[in-house]
Amino acid sequence: MNKYLKTAYQFGVLGGVLSLISFFLLRFLSPDPTNLSLIFGYVLIPVAVFLAIKFFKEYSNNGFLSFAEGMTIGFVTYTMIGILSSLGIWLVLSLMPDFFQLIKESKIQVLQENRDMIISQVGEASFNYTQESIKSLTSWDIAFNDGLWKIIPGMFFSIIISIILRKNPN
């Protein structure tokens, strides 16, 4: 089992660290880097999963790859990225409460700017519920959401990449 996990851990840790660095640096582009971080994740996840599976296939498994092996490598890779990203963002936001408050205020401002459109689409009760939810937002909520939106697409990318790179011995 270690031969499966070595490559996945390496790319998972690398991806998690890159995700955290991007979150921290993206705060200079926007007061709320959460959306930009998600977009970066949609680029990072397939690249990290592809490289992890490709390196495993070429350097640990003699050029062969079953679908199950690809899915295992992909799962560990995107899960590591999601967990490290979540924990890192939570730590950053916990240590920088002003930064967290800026993100929260930005989310409230966006909600207020789109008030009429949101109410016309989902109703005032949903708008009020969303507004209260944002007001009670914690740093863990932001971090968990980021990690979750790295894990969910990772599953789909792993399926596709595992199918593409699959090569069984004859």
N, C-alpha and C. Protein backbone atom coordinates (compact mmCIF):
# COMPACT_ATOMS: atom_id res chain seq x y z
N MET A 1 0.82 -1.21 0.00
CA MET A 1 0.00 0.00 0.00
C MET A 1 0.86 1.27 0.00
N ASN A 2 2.06 1.19 0.55
CA ASN A 2 2.92 2.37 0.60
C ASN A 2 3.29 2.88 -0.79
N LYS A 3 3.45 1.97 -1.75
CA LYS A 3 3.81 2.43 -3.09
C LYS A 3 2.69 3.27 -3.69
N TYR A 4 1.44 3.02 -3.29
CA TYR A 4 0.33 3.83 -3.76
C TYR A 4 0.34 5.20 -3.12
N LEU A 5 0.66 5.24 -1.86
CA LEU A 5 0.47 6.46 -1.11
C LEU A 5 1.65 7.44 -1.18
N LYS A 6 2.84 6.95 -1.47
CA LYS A 6 4.01 7.83 -1.49
C LYS A 6 3.83 8.97 -2.48
N THR A 7 3.52 8.66 -3.72
CA THR A 7 3.33 9.68 -4.74
C THR A 7 2.13 10.56 -4.41
N ALA A 8 1.04 9.95 -3.95
CA ALA A 8 -0.17 10.72 -3.63
C ALA A 8 0.09 11.70 -2.50
N TYR A 9 0.82 11.27 -1.48
CA TYR A 9 1.15 12.17 -0.37
C TYR A 9 1.99 13.34 -0.86
N GLN A 10 2.97 13.05 -1.69
CA GLN A 10 3.85 14.12 -2.17
C GLN A 10 3.07 15.19 -2.92
N PHE A 11 2.24 14.77 -3.86
CA PHE A 11 1.47 15.75 -4.63
C PHE A 11 0.33 16.34 -3.83
N GLY A 12 -0.22 15.59 -2.89
CA GLY A 12 -1.25 16.13 -2.01
C GLY A 12 -0.71 17.23 -1.11
N VAL A 13 0.44 16.99 -0.52
CA VAL A 13 1.05 18.00 0.35
C VAL A 13 1.46 19.22 -0.48
N LEU A 14 2.08 18.99 -1.63
CA LEU A 14 2.48 20.10 -2.49
C LEU A 14 1.25 20.93 -2.90
N GLY A 15 0.19 20.25 -3.30
CA GLY A 15 -1.03 20.96 -3.69
C GLY A 15 -1.66 21.71 -2.53
N GLY A 16 -1.67 21.11 -1.34
CA GLY A 16 -2.22 21.78 -0.17
C GLY A 16 -1.43 23.03 0.18
N VAL A 17 -0.12 22.93 0.12
CA VAL A 17 0.73 24.09 0.41
C VAL A 17 0.52 25.18 -0.64
N LEU A 18 0.47 24.81 -1.92
CA LEU A 18 0.21 25.80 -2.97
C LEU A 18 -1.16 26.45 -2.81
N SER A 19 -2.13 25.68 -2.41
CA SER A 19 -3.48 26.21 -2.19
C SER A 19 -3.48 27.24 -1.07
N LEU A 20 -2.80 26.92 -0.01
CA LEU A 20 -2.72 27.84 1.13
C LEU A 20 -1.96 29.11 0.76
N ILE A 21 -0.85 28.96 0.06
CA ILE A 21 -0.07 30.12 -0.38
C ILE A 21 -0.92 31.00 -1.29
N SER A 22 -1.66 30.37 -2.20
CA SER A 22 -2.50 31.16 -3.11
C SER A 22 -3.57 31.92 -2.35
N PHE A 23 -4.18 31.29 -1.35
CA PHE A 23 -5.19 31.98 -0.55
C PHE A 23 -4.60 33.20 0.11
N PHE A 24 -3.42 33.03 0.69
CA PHE A 24 -2.76 34.13 1.39
C PHE A 24 -2.38 35.25 0.42
N LEU A 25 -1.86 34.90 -0.76
CA LEU A 25 -1.45 35.91 -1.73
C LEU A 25 -2.64 36.57 -2.44
N LEU A 26 -3.71 35.82 -2.65
CA LEU A 26 -4.87 36.37 -3.34
C LEU A 26 -5.57 37.46 -2.53
N ARG A 27 -5.28 37.53 -1.25
CA ARG A 27 -5.90 38.57 -0.43
C ARG A 27 -5.42 39.95 -0.85
N PHE A 28 -4.29 40.02 -1.58
CA PHE A 28 -3.81 41.31 -2.06
C PHE A 28 -4.56 41.75 -3.33
N LEU A 29 -5.23 40.81 -4.00
CA LEU A 29 -6.01 41.13 -5.19
C LEU A 29 -7.46 41.46 -4.87
N SER A 30 -7.95 40.91 -3.78
CA SER A 30 -9.35 41.07 -3.43
C SER A 30 -9.50 41.00 -1.92
N PRO A 31 -10.42 41.80 -1.36
CA PRO A 31 -10.63 41.70 0.09
C PRO A 31 -11.22 40.35 0.51
N ASP A 32 -11.83 39.64 -0.44
CA ASP A 32 -12.39 38.32 -0.17
C ASP A 32 -11.76 37.32 -1.14
N PRO A 33 -10.65 36.69 -0.75
CA PRO A 33 -9.95 35.78 -1.67
C PRO A 33 -10.60 34.40 -1.79
N THR A 34 -11.72 34.17 -1.12
CA THR A 34 -12.30 32.83 -1.14
C THR A 34 -12.73 32.39 -2.53
N ASN A 35 -13.34 33.29 -3.30
CA ASN A 35 -13.78 32.92 -4.65
C ASN A 35 -12.59 32.67 -5.57
N LEU A 36 -11.57 33.52 -5.50
CA LEU A 36 -10.38 33.32 -6.32
C LEU A 36 -9.66 32.04 -5.92
N SER A 37 -9.68 31.71 -4.65
CA SER A 37 -9.06 30.47 -4.18
C SER A 37 -9.77 29.25 -4.75
N LEU A 38 -11.08 29.33 -4.85
CA LEU A 38 -11.83 28.22 -5.45
C LEU A 38 -11.48 28.04 -6.92
N ILE A 39 -11.36 29.16 -7.64
CA ILE A 39 -10.98 29.09 -9.05
C ILE A 39 -9.59 28.50 -9.19
N PHE A 40 -8.65 28.94 -8.34
CA PHE A 40 -7.30 28.38 -8.36
C PHE A 40 -7.36 26.88 -8.08
N GLY A 41 -8.23 26.47 -7.18
CA GLY A 41 -8.38 25.06 -6.85
C GLY A 41 -8.86 24.24 -8.03
N TYR A 42 -9.72 24.83 -8.88
CA TYR A 42 -10.21 24.11 -10.05
C TYR A 42 -9.11 23.90 -11.09
N VAL A 43 -8.05 24.69 -11.01
CA VAL A 43 -6.89 24.48 -11.88
C VAL A 43 -5.90 23.53 -11.19
N LEU A 44 -5.67 23.75 -9.91
CA LEU A 44 -4.69 22.98 -9.14
C LEU A 44 -5.06 21.50 -9.01
N ILE A 45 -6.30 21.22 -8.68
CA ILE A 45 -6.73 19.84 -8.40
C ILE A 45 -6.48 18.91 -9.59
N PRO A 46 -6.97 19.23 -10.79
CA PRO A 46 -6.72 18.28 -11.89
C PRO A 46 -5.23 18.13 -12.22
N VAL A 47 -4.46 19.20 -12.09
CA VAL A 47 -3.03 19.11 -12.37
C VAL A 47 -2.36 18.20 -11.34
N ALA A 48 -2.65 18.41 -10.06
CA ALA A 48 -2.04 17.60 -9.00
C ALA A 48 -2.46 16.13 -9.12
N VAL A 49 -3.73 15.89 -9.38
CA VAL A 49 -4.21 14.50 -9.51
C VAL A 49 -3.58 13.85 -10.73
N PHE A 50 -3.53 14.56 -11.85
CA PHE A 50 -2.91 14.01 -13.06
C PHE A 50 -1.46 13.65 -12.79
N LEU A 51 -0.70 14.59 -12.23
CA LEU A 51 0.72 14.34 -11.99
C LEU A 51 0.94 13.19 -11.01
N ALA A 52 0.13 13.12 -9.96
CA ALA A 52 0.27 12.03 -8.98
C ALA A 52 0.03 10.68 -9.64
N ILE A 53 -1.04 10.59 -10.41
CA ILE A 53 -1.37 9.32 -11.07
C ILE A 53 -0.32 8.98 -12.14
N LYS A 54 0.08 9.98 -12.90
CA LYS A 54 1.08 9.76 -13.96
C LYS A 54 2.42 9.32 -13.37
N PHE A 55 2.87 10.00 -12.30
CA PHE A 55 4.14 9.62 -11.68
C PHE A 55 4.05 8.22 -11.08
N PHE A 56 2.92 7.89 -10.46
CA PHE A 56 2.76 6.54 -9.92
C PHE A 56 2.84 5.51 -11.04
N LYS A 57 2.12 5.75 -12.11
CA LYS A 57 2.10 4.82 -13.24
C LYS A 57 3.49 4.62 -13.82
N GLU A 58 4.21 5.70 -14.06
CA GLU A 58 5.49 5.63 -14.74
C GLU A 58 6.63 5.18 -13.83
N TYR A 59 6.66 5.64 -12.58
CA TYR A 59 7.84 5.41 -11.76
C TYR A 59 7.67 4.38 -10.65
N SER A 60 6.44 4.02 -10.33
CA SER A 60 6.24 3.05 -9.25
C SER A 60 5.56 1.76 -9.72
N ASN A 61 4.96 1.80 -10.90
CA ASN A 61 4.13 0.66 -11.32
C ASN A 61 4.47 0.17 -12.72
N ASN A 62 5.69 0.40 -13.19
CA ASN A 62 6.18 -0.13 -14.47
C ASN A 62 5.31 0.23 -15.66
N GLY A 63 4.72 1.41 -15.66
CA GLY A 63 3.93 1.86 -16.80
C GLY A 63 2.51 1.34 -16.85
N PHE A 64 2.09 0.61 -15.84
CA PHE A 64 0.73 0.08 -15.82
C PHE A 64 -0.10 0.81 -14.76
N LEU A 65 -1.41 0.86 -15.00
CA LEU A 65 -2.31 1.52 -14.06
C LEU A 65 -3.71 0.95 -14.22
N SER A 66 -4.25 0.43 -13.14
CA SER A 66 -5.65 0.01 -13.17
C SER A 66 -6.51 1.19 -12.75
N PHE A 67 -7.78 1.10 -13.06
CA PHE A 67 -8.71 2.16 -12.67
C PHE A 67 -8.71 2.33 -11.15
N ALA A 68 -8.71 1.22 -10.42
CA ALA A 68 -8.74 1.28 -8.95
C ALA A 68 -7.48 1.95 -8.39
N GLU A 69 -6.33 1.65 -8.99
CA GLU A 69 -5.10 2.30 -8.53
C GLU A 69 -5.15 3.80 -8.79
N GLY A 70 -5.62 4.18 -9.95
CA GLY A 70 -5.76 5.60 -10.28
C GLY A 70 -6.70 6.31 -9.32
N MET A 71 -7.81 5.66 -9.02
CA MET A 71 -8.78 6.26 -8.09
C MET A 71 -8.19 6.38 -6.69
N THR A 72 -7.41 5.39 -6.26
CA THR A 72 -6.79 5.43 -4.94
C THR A 72 -5.80 6.58 -4.85
N ILE A 73 -4.94 6.69 -5.84
CA ILE A 73 -3.95 7.78 -5.87
C ILE A 73 -4.67 9.13 -5.92
N GLY A 74 -5.66 9.24 -6.77
CA GLY A 74 -6.42 10.49 -6.89
C GLY A 74 -7.12 10.85 -5.60
N PHE A 75 -7.75 9.86 -4.96
CA PHE A 75 -8.47 10.12 -3.70
C PHE A 75 -7.54 10.67 -2.63
N VAL A 76 -6.41 10.02 -2.45
CA VAL A 76 -5.47 10.47 -1.42
C VAL A 76 -4.95 11.87 -1.77
N THR A 77 -4.67 12.11 -3.04
CA THR A 77 -4.13 13.41 -3.46
C THR A 77 -5.13 14.53 -3.20
N TYR A 78 -6.35 14.43 -3.73
CA TYR A 78 -7.29 15.53 -3.57
C TYR A 78 -7.78 15.67 -2.13
N THR A 79 -7.83 14.57 -1.39
CA THR A 79 -8.21 14.66 0.01
C THR A 79 -7.14 15.37 0.82
N MET A 80 -5.88 15.05 0.55
CA MET A 80 -4.78 15.74 1.24
C MET A 80 -4.81 17.24 0.93
N ILE A 81 -5.04 17.58 -0.32
CA ILE A 81 -5.10 18.99 -0.69
C ILE A 81 -6.24 19.68 0.06
N GLY A 82 -7.41 19.06 0.08
CA GLY A 82 -8.56 19.65 0.76
C GLY A 82 -8.34 19.82 2.25
N ILE A 83 -7.78 18.80 2.89
CA ILE A 83 -7.56 18.86 4.34
C ILE A 83 -6.50 19.90 4.68
N LEU A 84 -5.38 19.87 3.97
CA LEU A 84 -4.32 20.85 4.26
C LEU A 84 -4.78 22.27 3.97
N SER A 85 -5.52 22.44 2.90
CA SER A 85 -6.04 23.76 2.57
C SER A 85 -6.99 24.26 3.66
N SER A 86 -7.89 23.40 4.09
CA SER A 86 -8.85 23.77 5.14
C SER A 86 -8.14 24.14 6.44
N LEU A 87 -7.25 23.28 6.87
CA LEU A 87 -6.54 23.54 8.13
C LEU A 87 -5.69 24.80 8.04
N GLY A 88 -5.02 25.00 6.91
CA GLY A 88 -4.19 26.18 6.74
C GLY A 88 -5.00 27.46 6.72
N ILE A 89 -6.09 27.46 5.98
CA ILE A 89 -6.94 28.65 5.91
C ILE A 89 -7.55 28.94 7.27
N TRP A 90 -7.99 27.91 7.96
CA TRP A 90 -8.53 28.10 9.31
C TRP A 90 -7.48 28.72 10.23
N LEU A 91 -6.26 28.22 10.15
CA LEU A 91 -5.18 28.76 10.99
C LEU A 91 -4.89 30.22 10.64
N VAL A 92 -4.79 30.52 9.35
CA VAL A 92 -4.52 31.90 8.92
C VAL A 92 -5.63 32.83 9.41
N LEU A 93 -6.89 32.43 9.21
CA LEU A 93 -8.01 33.29 9.62
C LEU A 93 -8.12 33.40 11.14
N SER A 94 -7.72 32.36 11.85
CA SER A 94 -7.75 32.41 13.31
C SER A 94 -6.66 33.33 13.85
N LEU A 95 -5.51 33.32 13.19
CA LEU A 95 -4.40 34.16 13.64
C LEU A 95 -4.51 35.61 13.14
N MET A 96 -5.36 35.81 12.14
CA MET A 96 -5.54 37.16 11.57
C MET A 96 -7.02 37.52 11.60
N PRO A 97 -7.56 37.84 12.78
CA PRO A 97 -9.00 38.12 12.89
C PRO A 97 -9.45 39.32 12.06
N ASP A 98 -8.57 40.28 11.80
CA ASP A 98 -8.94 41.43 10.97
C ASP A 98 -9.18 40.98 9.52
N PHE A 99 -8.36 40.06 9.06
CA PHE A 99 -8.51 39.51 7.72
C PHE A 99 -9.84 38.76 7.61
N PHE A 100 -10.14 37.94 8.63
CA PHE A 100 -11.41 37.22 8.65
C PHE A 100 -12.59 38.20 8.63
N GLN A 101 -12.50 39.26 9.42
CA GLN A 101 -13.57 40.25 9.49
C GLN A 101 -13.75 40.94 8.14
N LEU A 102 -12.65 41.19 7.44
CA LEU A 102 -12.71 41.81 6.12
C LEU A 102 -13.44 40.89 5.12
N ILE A 103 -13.16 39.60 5.18
CA ILE A 103 -13.84 38.64 4.31
C ILE A 103 -15.33 38.62 4.61
N LYS A 104 -15.65 38.58 5.88
CA LYS A 104 -17.06 38.54 6.31
C LYS A 104 -17.81 39.79 5.86
N GLU A 105 -17.20 40.95 6.04
CA GLU A 105 -17.82 42.21 5.62
C GLU A 105 -18.00 42.25 4.10
N SER A 106 -17.03 41.72 3.38
CA SER A 106 -17.12 41.69 1.93
C SER A 106 -18.30 40.82 1.48
N LYS A 107 -18.50 39.69 2.14
CA LYS A 107 -19.61 38.81 1.80
C LYS A 107 -20.95 39.48 2.10
N ILE A 108 -21.03 40.19 3.20
CA ILE A 108 -22.26 40.92 3.56
C ILE A 108 -22.52 42.03 2.54
N GLN A 109 -21.46 42.73 2.13
CA GLN A 109 -21.60 43.81 1.16
C GLN A 109 -22.11 43.28 -0.19
N VAL A 110 -21.54 42.17 -0.64
CA VAL A 110 -21.99 41.57 -1.91
C VAL A 110 -23.46 41.16 -1.81
N LEU A 111 -23.83 40.61 -0.68
CA LEU A 111 -25.23 40.21 -0.47
C LEU A 111 -26.15 41.44 -0.53
N GLN A 112 -25.75 42.53 0.12
CA GLN A 112 -26.57 43.75 0.13
C GLN A 112 -26.67 44.37 -1.26
N GLU A 113 -25.56 44.36 -2.00
CA GLU A 113 -25.56 44.93 -3.35
C GLU A 113 -26.49 44.17 -4.29
N ASN A 114 -26.69 42.90 -4.04
CA ASN A 114 -27.54 42.07 -4.90
C ASN A 114 -28.88 41.74 -4.25
N ARG A 115 -29.26 42.51 -3.26
CA ARG A 115 -30.47 42.25 -2.47
C ARG A 115 -31.71 42.08 -3.35
N ASP A 116 -31.99 43.05 -4.19
CA ASP A 116 -33.21 43.00 -5.00
C ASP A 116 -33.25 41.79 -5.93
N MET A 117 -32.14 41.50 -6.56
CA MET A 117 -32.08 40.36 -7.47
C MET A 117 -32.28 39.04 -6.70
N ILE A 118 -31.63 38.93 -5.56
CA ILE A 118 -31.74 37.70 -4.77
C ILE A 118 -33.17 37.50 -4.28
N ILE A 119 -33.78 38.57 -3.78
CA ILE A 119 -35.16 38.47 -3.29
C ILE A 119 -36.11 38.10 -4.42
N SER A 120 -35.89 38.67 -5.62
CA SER A 120 -36.77 38.33 -6.75
C SER A 120 -36.62 36.87 -7.17
N GLN A 121 -35.45 36.28 -6.94
CA GLN A 121 -35.22 34.91 -7.37
C GLN A 121 -35.60 33.87 -6.31
N VAL A 122 -35.29 34.14 -5.03
CA VAL A 122 -35.51 33.11 -4.01
C VAL A 122 -36.45 33.56 -2.88
N GLY A 123 -36.81 34.83 -2.86
CA GLY A 123 -37.74 35.32 -1.84
C GLY A 123 -37.01 35.97 -0.67
N GLU A 124 -37.76 36.77 0.05
CA GLU A 124 -37.17 37.54 1.15
C GLU A 124 -36.78 36.65 2.32
N ALA A 125 -37.53 35.61 2.56
CA ALA A 125 -37.20 34.72 3.69
C ALA A 125 -35.83 34.06 3.47
N SER A 126 -35.56 33.62 2.25
CA SER A 126 -34.25 33.01 1.94
C SER A 126 -33.14 34.04 2.03
N PHE A 127 -33.42 35.25 1.56
CA PHE A 127 -32.42 36.30 1.66
C PHE A 127 -32.08 36.58 3.12
N ASN A 128 -33.11 36.72 3.96
CA ASN A 128 -32.88 36.99 5.39
C ASN A 128 -32.12 35.84 6.06
N TYR A 129 -32.45 34.62 5.71
CA TYR A 129 -31.75 33.47 6.27
C TYR A 129 -30.27 33.48 5.87
N THR A 130 -30.02 33.78 4.59
CA THR A 130 -28.64 33.86 4.11
C THR A 130 -27.88 34.97 4.82
N GLN A 131 -28.54 36.09 4.99
CA GLN A 131 -27.90 37.22 5.67
C GLN A 131 -27.53 36.86 7.11
N GLU A 132 -28.42 36.19 7.81
CA GLU A 132 -28.12 35.77 9.19
C GLU A 132 -27.01 34.72 9.21
N SER A 133 -27.01 33.85 8.22
CA SER A 133 -25.95 32.84 8.13
C SER A 133 -24.58 33.47 7.95
N ILE A 134 -24.52 34.48 7.10
CA ILE A 134 -23.24 35.16 6.87
C ILE A 134 -22.81 35.92 8.13
N LYS A 135 -23.75 36.51 8.82
CA LYS A 135 -23.41 37.24 10.05
C LYS A 135 -22.85 36.31 11.13
N SER A 136 -23.29 35.05 11.12
CA SER A 136 -22.80 34.10 12.13
C SER A 136 -21.64 33.23 11.60
N LEU A 137 -21.08 33.62 10.46
CA LEU A 137 -19.98 32.90 9.83
C LEU A 137 -18.76 32.85 10.74
N THR A 138 -18.09 31.70 10.76
CA THR A 138 -16.86 31.55 11.53
C THR A 138 -15.70 31.27 10.57
N SER A 139 -14.49 31.37 11.08
CA SER A 139 -13.33 31.09 10.23
C SER A 139 -13.32 29.63 9.79
N TRP A 140 -13.83 28.74 10.63
CA TRP A 140 -13.88 27.32 10.25
C TRP A 140 -14.86 27.11 9.10
N ASP A 141 -15.97 27.86 9.06
CA ASP A 141 -16.93 27.74 7.97
C ASP A 141 -16.27 28.04 6.63
N ILE A 142 -15.48 29.10 6.60
CA ILE A 142 -14.80 29.48 5.36
C ILE A 142 -13.78 28.41 4.97
N ALA A 143 -13.01 27.95 5.95
CA ALA A 143 -11.99 26.94 5.68
C ALA A 143 -12.61 25.62 5.23
N PHE A 144 -13.66 25.19 5.91
CA PHE A 144 -14.32 23.93 5.57
C PHE A 144 -14.90 23.99 4.15
N ASN A 145 -15.52 25.12 3.82
CA ASN A 145 -16.09 25.29 2.49
C ASN A 145 -15.00 25.20 1.42
N ASP A 146 -13.86 25.82 1.67
CA ASP A 146 -12.76 25.76 0.71
C ASP A 146 -12.29 24.32 0.50
N GLY A 147 -12.09 23.61 1.60
CA GLY A 147 -11.64 22.22 1.49
C GLY A 147 -12.65 21.33 0.79
N LEU A 148 -13.92 21.54 1.11
CA LEU A 148 -14.99 20.75 0.51
C LEU A 148 -15.03 20.95 -1.00
N TRP A 149 -14.83 22.20 -1.45
CA TRP A 149 -14.87 22.49 -2.87
C TRP A 149 -13.55 22.19 -3.58
N LYS A 150 -12.63 21.60 -2.86
CA LYS A 150 -11.46 21.01 -3.50
C LYS A 150 -11.63 19.49 -3.57
N ILE A 151 -12.30 18.93 -2.60
CA ILE A 151 -12.50 17.48 -2.58
C ILE A 151 -13.56 17.03 -3.58
N ILE A 152 -14.68 17.73 -3.66
CA ILE A 152 -15.77 17.30 -4.55
C ILE A 152 -15.34 17.27 -6.02
N PRO A 153 -14.75 18.35 -6.55
CA PRO A 153 -14.31 18.24 -7.95
C PRO A 153 -13.16 17.24 -8.13
N GLY A 154 -12.36 17.07 -7.09
CA GLY A 154 -11.26 16.11 -7.17
C GLY A 154 -11.74 14.71 -7.49
N MET A 155 -12.89 14.35 -6.95
CA MET A 155 -13.45 13.02 -7.22
C MET A 155 -13.74 12.85 -8.71
N PHE A 156 -14.34 13.85 -9.32
CA PHE A 156 -14.68 13.76 -10.73
C PHE A 156 -13.42 13.79 -11.61
N PHE A 157 -12.47 14.64 -11.25
CA PHE A 157 -11.22 14.68 -12.02
C PHE A 157 -10.48 13.34 -11.91
N SER A 158 -10.51 12.72 -10.74
CA SER A 158 -9.84 11.42 -10.56
C SER A 158 -10.45 10.35 -11.44
N ILE A 159 -11.75 10.35 -11.54
CA ILE A 159 -12.43 9.36 -12.40
C ILE A 159 -11.97 9.53 -13.85
N ILE A 160 -12.02 10.75 -14.34
CA ILE A 160 -11.67 11.02 -15.73
C ILE A 160 -10.20 10.70 -16.00
N ILE A 161 -9.33 11.17 -15.13
CA ILE A 161 -7.89 10.96 -15.33
C ILE A 161 -7.53 9.48 -15.20
N SER A 162 -8.17 8.78 -14.27
CA SER A 162 -7.90 7.34 -14.11
C SER A 162 -8.31 6.56 -15.35
N ILE A 163 -9.40 6.95 -15.95
CA ILE A 163 -9.85 6.28 -17.18
C ILE A 163 -8.88 6.57 -18.33
N ILE A 164 -8.46 7.82 -18.45
CA ILE A 164 -7.57 8.22 -19.54
C ILE A 164 -6.20 7.53 -19.42
N LEU A 165 -5.66 7.48 -18.21
CA LEU A 165 -4.31 6.94 -18.01
C LEU A 165 -4.26 5.43 -17.77
N ARG A 166 -5.42 4.80 -17.70
CA ARG A 166 -5.47 3.37 -17.40
C ARG A 166 -4.74 2.57 -18.48
N LYS A 167 -3.91 1.65 -18.01
CA LYS A 167 -3.22 0.72 -18.91
C LYS A 167 -2.94 -0.54 -18.12
N ASN A 168 -3.63 -1.61 -18.48
CA ASN A 168 -3.46 -2.89 -17.78
C ASN A 168 -2.49 -3.78 -18.56
N PRO A 169 -1.75 -4.65 -17.85
CA PRO A 169 -0.88 -5.58 -18.55
C PRO A 169 -1.72 -6.58 -19.35
N ASN A 170 -1.23 -6.97 -20.51
CA ASN A 170 -1.98 -7.90 -21.37
C ASN A 170 -1.92 -9.30 -20.89
